[in-house]
Amino acid sequence: MSNVFIAFQTNEETRCIVDAILADNPTATVNRQPAMIKVDVPNQMVIRRASVEEQMGRAFDLQELHINLITLTGHIVETDDEFTLSWAH
C-alpha cells in the first residue's frame, strides 16, 4: 500500500481544507511545518466540496485548492463535488 499526499501553503483557508480532509479520511496523518501543511493518506484521499464548505462557512469551488497547492502525488479524479487522489492497482 502506498500513500498519496497533498501539501498546501499554511494559512487560514488551508487549515479549513485540511480539517475537512481529516474529517473525511480517518487514516490521514498531518505534518505541519511553518510554511506548509502536508497530508498523507494510505492508498486514497477524497476531498469533498461539502466538507470544505462546512469548515469554511462559505461556498467553495474545488478549483480553489490550486491557489495554495504546493504539490501532490497520486492519480487525480476531479468532479464538481470531489477531488480524489489514489494509486491505481
N, C-alpha and C. Protein backbone atom coordinates (compact mmCIF):
# COMPACT_ATOMS: atom_id res chain seq x y z
N MET A 1 0.85 -1.17 0.00
CA MET A 1 0.00 0.00 0.00
C MET A 1 0.89 1.24 0.00
N SER A 2 0.58 2.19 -0.87
CA SER A 2 1.34 3.43 -0.96
C SER A 2 0.49 4.60 -0.50
N ASN A 3 1.17 5.60 0.03
CA ASN A 3 0.46 6.82 0.44
C ASN A 3 0.30 7.76 -0.73
N VAL A 4 -0.83 8.46 -0.74
CA VAL A 4 -0.99 9.65 -1.57
C VAL A 4 -0.83 10.82 -0.62
N PHE A 5 -0.46 11.98 -1.15
CA PHE A 5 -0.36 13.15 -0.28
C PHE A 5 -0.67 14.41 -1.04
N ILE A 6 -0.98 15.45 -0.28
CA ILE A 6 -1.20 16.78 -0.81
C ILE A 6 -0.57 17.75 0.18
N ALA A 7 0.05 18.80 -0.34
CA ALA A 7 0.69 19.80 0.52
C ALA A 7 0.22 21.19 0.10
N PHE A 8 -0.10 21.99 1.10
CA PHE A 8 -0.59 23.35 0.90
C PHE A 8 0.30 24.35 1.64
N GLN A 9 0.26 25.60 1.18
CA GLN A 9 0.84 26.69 1.97
C GLN A 9 0.02 26.80 3.24
N THR A 10 0.66 27.18 4.33
CA THR A 10 -0.05 27.32 5.60
C THR A 10 -0.74 28.69 5.66
N ASN A 11 -2.06 28.67 5.81
CA ASN A 11 -2.83 29.90 6.04
C ASN A 11 -4.21 29.50 6.56
N GLU A 12 -5.05 30.46 6.86
CA GLU A 12 -6.35 30.17 7.45
C GLU A 12 -7.24 29.34 6.53
N GLU A 13 -7.20 29.63 5.23
CA GLU A 13 -8.03 28.89 4.28
C GLU A 13 -7.61 27.42 4.22
N THR A 14 -6.32 27.17 4.13
CA THR A 14 -5.87 25.78 4.03
C THR A 14 -6.07 25.01 5.33
N ARG A 15 -6.09 25.68 6.45
CA ARG A 15 -6.40 24.99 7.71
C ARG A 15 -7.80 24.38 7.64
N CYS A 16 -8.73 25.12 7.05
CA CYS A 16 -10.10 24.60 6.88
C CYS A 16 -10.12 23.42 5.92
N ILE A 17 -9.36 23.51 4.84
CA ILE A 17 -9.30 22.41 3.87
C ILE A 17 -8.72 21.16 4.54
N VAL A 18 -7.65 21.33 5.30
CA VAL A 18 -7.04 20.19 5.99
C VAL A 18 -8.01 19.61 7.01
N ASP A 19 -8.73 20.44 7.74
CA ASP A 19 -9.71 19.92 8.70
C ASP A 19 -10.78 19.09 7.99
N ALA A 20 -11.21 19.52 6.81
CA ALA A 20 -12.19 18.77 6.03
C ALA A 20 -11.60 17.44 5.56
N ILE A 21 -10.34 17.46 5.12
CA ILE A 21 -9.68 16.22 4.70
C ILE A 21 -9.62 15.24 5.87
N LEU A 22 -9.23 15.72 7.04
CA LEU A 22 -9.13 14.86 8.22
C LEU A 22 -10.48 14.28 8.61
N ALA A 23 -11.54 15.07 8.47
CA ALA A 23 -12.88 14.58 8.82
C ALA A 23 -13.32 13.46 7.88
N ASP A 24 -12.95 13.54 6.61
CA ASP A 24 -13.41 12.57 5.61
C ASP A 24 -12.44 11.41 5.38
N ASN A 25 -11.23 11.52 5.91
CA ASN A 25 -10.21 10.49 5.70
C ASN A 25 -9.59 10.13 7.05
N PRO A 26 -10.23 9.23 7.80
CA PRO A 26 -9.80 8.95 9.17
C PRO A 26 -8.38 8.39 9.30
N THR A 27 -7.81 7.86 8.23
CA THR A 27 -6.45 7.32 8.31
C THR A 27 -5.39 8.36 7.93
N ALA A 28 -5.81 9.59 7.71
CA ALA A 28 -4.88 10.65 7.31
C ALA A 28 -3.95 11.03 8.45
N THR A 29 -2.72 11.39 8.07
CA THR A 29 -1.77 11.95 9.02
C THR A 29 -1.31 13.31 8.49
N VAL A 30 -1.03 14.22 9.42
CA VAL A 30 -0.67 15.59 9.05
C VAL A 30 0.73 15.90 9.54
N ASN A 31 1.48 16.55 8.67
CA ASN A 31 2.81 17.06 9.01
C ASN A 31 2.75 18.57 8.84
N ARG A 32 2.77 19.30 9.95
CA ARG A 32 2.68 20.77 9.92
C ARG A 32 4.07 21.37 10.02
N GLN A 33 4.39 22.19 9.06
CA GLN A 33 5.65 22.94 9.02
C GLN A 33 5.31 24.42 9.13
N PRO A 34 6.28 25.28 9.35
CA PRO A 34 5.97 26.71 9.45
C PRO A 34 5.27 27.29 8.22
N ALA A 35 5.61 26.83 7.03
CA ALA A 35 5.02 27.40 5.82
C ALA A 35 4.25 26.39 4.99
N MET A 36 4.09 25.14 5.49
CA MET A 36 3.47 24.09 4.70
C MET A 36 2.72 23.12 5.60
N ILE A 37 1.60 22.63 5.08
CA ILE A 37 0.85 21.55 5.72
C ILE A 37 0.77 20.41 4.71
N LYS A 38 1.26 19.23 5.09
CA LYS A 38 1.24 18.06 4.21
C LYS A 38 0.35 17.00 4.84
N VAL A 39 -0.55 16.45 4.03
CA VAL A 39 -1.47 15.41 4.50
C VAL A 39 -1.19 14.14 3.70
N ASP A 40 -0.91 13.05 4.41
CA ASP A 40 -0.69 11.73 3.81
C ASP A 40 -1.87 10.84 4.15
N VAL A 41 -2.27 10.01 3.17
CA VAL A 41 -3.34 9.04 3.39
C VAL A 41 -2.96 7.76 2.65
N PRO A 42 -3.09 6.62 3.30
CA PRO A 42 -2.82 5.36 2.60
C PRO A 42 -3.79 5.14 1.44
N ASN A 43 -3.25 4.95 0.27
CA ASN A 43 -3.98 4.49 -0.91
C ASN A 43 -4.90 5.50 -1.58
N GLN A 44 -5.79 6.17 -0.84
CA GLN A 44 -6.74 7.10 -1.47
C GLN A 44 -7.16 8.21 -0.52
N MET A 45 -7.23 9.43 -1.06
CA MET A 45 -7.69 10.59 -0.32
C MET A 45 -8.84 11.23 -1.10
N VAL A 46 -9.92 11.56 -0.38
CA VAL A 46 -11.05 12.23 -1.00
C VAL A 46 -11.24 13.58 -0.31
N ILE A 47 -11.29 14.64 -1.11
CA ILE A 47 -11.58 15.97 -0.59
C ILE A 47 -12.98 16.32 -1.10
N ARG A 48 -13.91 16.49 -0.20
CA ARG A 48 -15.30 16.76 -0.56
C ARG A 48 -15.61 18.25 -0.43
N ARG A 49 -16.21 18.78 -1.49
CA ARG A 49 -16.59 20.19 -1.50
C ARG A 49 -17.48 20.52 -0.31
N ALA A 50 -18.47 19.68 -0.04
CA ALA A 50 -19.40 19.95 1.06
C ALA A 50 -18.69 20.02 2.41
N SER A 51 -17.69 19.16 2.61
CA SER A 51 -16.95 19.17 3.87
C SER A 51 -16.11 20.44 4.01
N VAL A 52 -15.50 20.87 2.92
CA VAL A 52 -14.71 22.11 2.95
C VAL A 52 -15.64 23.30 3.22
N GLU A 53 -16.79 23.31 2.56
CA GLU A 53 -17.76 24.40 2.78
C GLU A 53 -18.21 24.46 4.23
N GLU A 54 -18.42 23.30 4.82
CA GLU A 54 -18.82 23.25 6.24
C GLU A 54 -17.74 23.85 7.13
N GLN A 55 -16.48 23.54 6.86
CA GLN A 55 -15.37 24.07 7.66
C GLN A 55 -15.18 25.58 7.45
N MET A 56 -15.36 26.03 6.20
CA MET A 56 -15.12 27.45 5.86
C MET A 56 -16.31 28.34 6.17
N GLY A 57 -17.50 27.74 6.15
CA GLY A 57 -18.71 28.54 6.35
C GLY A 57 -19.07 29.38 5.13
N ARG A 58 -18.66 28.93 3.95
CA ARG A 58 -18.98 29.63 2.71
C ARG A 58 -18.94 28.64 1.55
N ALA A 59 -19.45 29.08 0.40
CA ALA A 59 -19.38 28.26 -0.81
C ALA A 59 -17.91 28.08 -1.20
N PHE A 60 -17.58 26.92 -1.75
CA PHE A 60 -16.20 26.62 -2.13
C PHE A 60 -16.19 25.85 -3.43
N ASP A 61 -15.43 26.34 -4.40
CA ASP A 61 -15.21 25.65 -5.67
C ASP A 61 -13.92 24.85 -5.51
N LEU A 62 -13.96 23.55 -5.78
CA LEU A 62 -12.77 22.72 -5.58
C LEU A 62 -11.56 23.20 -6.38
N GLN A 63 -11.77 23.97 -7.43
CA GLN A 63 -10.65 24.53 -8.18
C GLN A 63 -9.83 25.50 -7.32
N GLU A 64 -10.44 26.02 -6.25
CA GLU A 64 -9.72 26.90 -5.33
C GLU A 64 -8.58 26.19 -4.60
N LEU A 65 -8.59 24.85 -4.59
CA LEU A 65 -7.49 24.11 -3.98
C LEU A 65 -6.15 24.51 -4.59
N HIS A 66 -6.17 24.80 -5.88
CA HIS A 66 -4.93 25.07 -6.61
C HIS A 66 -4.26 26.38 -6.21
N ILE A 67 -4.99 27.29 -5.59
CA ILE A 67 -4.43 28.59 -5.21
C ILE A 67 -3.29 28.42 -4.20
N ASN A 68 -3.46 27.55 -3.22
CA ASN A 68 -2.47 27.35 -2.17
C ASN A 68 -1.74 26.01 -2.25
N LEU A 69 -1.94 25.29 -3.35
CA LEU A 69 -1.34 23.97 -3.53
C LEU A 69 0.16 24.09 -3.79
N ILE A 70 0.94 23.29 -3.07
CA ILE A 70 2.38 23.21 -3.31
C ILE A 70 2.69 22.01 -4.19
N THR A 71 2.22 20.83 -3.78
CA THR A 71 2.48 19.61 -4.55
C THR A 71 1.50 18.54 -4.11
N LEU A 72 1.42 17.48 -4.91
CA LEU A 72 0.59 16.33 -4.57
C LEU A 72 1.15 15.12 -5.28
N THR A 73 0.69 13.94 -4.85
CA THR A 73 1.08 12.71 -5.53
C THR A 73 -0.12 11.78 -5.59
N GLY A 74 -0.23 11.08 -6.70
CA GLY A 74 -1.33 10.16 -6.93
C GLY A 74 -2.06 10.52 -8.20
N HIS A 75 -2.93 9.62 -8.63
CA HIS A 75 -3.77 9.87 -9.79
C HIS A 75 -4.93 10.74 -9.35
N ILE A 76 -5.25 11.75 -10.16
CA ILE A 76 -6.28 12.72 -9.81
C ILE A 76 -7.56 12.41 -10.57
N VAL A 77 -8.67 12.42 -9.85
CA VAL A 77 -10.00 12.38 -10.44
C VAL A 77 -10.77 13.54 -9.81
N GLU A 78 -11.25 14.45 -10.66
CA GLU A 78 -11.96 15.63 -10.17
C GLU A 78 -13.39 15.68 -10.69
N THR A 79 -14.31 16.00 -9.81
CA THR A 79 -15.67 16.35 -10.19
C THR A 79 -15.98 17.68 -9.51
N ASP A 80 -17.18 18.18 -9.71
CA ASP A 80 -17.56 19.41 -9.02
C ASP A 80 -17.66 19.21 -7.51
N ASP A 81 -17.87 17.96 -7.08
CA ASP A 81 -18.11 17.68 -5.67
C ASP A 81 -16.97 16.99 -4.94
N GLU A 82 -16.04 16.36 -5.67
CA GLU A 82 -14.94 15.63 -5.03
C GLU A 82 -13.65 15.74 -5.82
N PHE A 83 -12.56 15.80 -5.07
CA PHE A 83 -11.20 15.77 -5.62
C PHE A 83 -10.55 14.54 -4.99
N THR A 84 -10.22 13.54 -5.81
CA THR A 84 -9.71 12.27 -5.30
C THR A 84 -8.29 12.02 -5.79
N LEU A 85 -7.42 11.65 -4.86
CA LEU A 85 -6.07 11.20 -5.18
C LEU A 85 -6.01 9.72 -4.82
N SER A 86 -5.46 8.90 -5.74
CA SER A 86 -5.36 7.48 -5.44
C SER A 86 -4.24 6.86 -6.27
N TRP A 87 -3.92 5.63 -5.92
CA TRP A 87 -2.99 4.83 -6.71
C TRP A 87 -3.80 3.70 -7.31
N ALA A 88 -3.78 3.60 -8.63
CA ALA A 88 -4.47 2.51 -9.32
C ALA A 88 -3.68 1.22 -9.12
N HIS A 89 -4.38 0.14 -8.87
CA HIS A 89 -3.73 -1.16 -8.68
C HIS A 89 -4.19 -2.11 -9.75
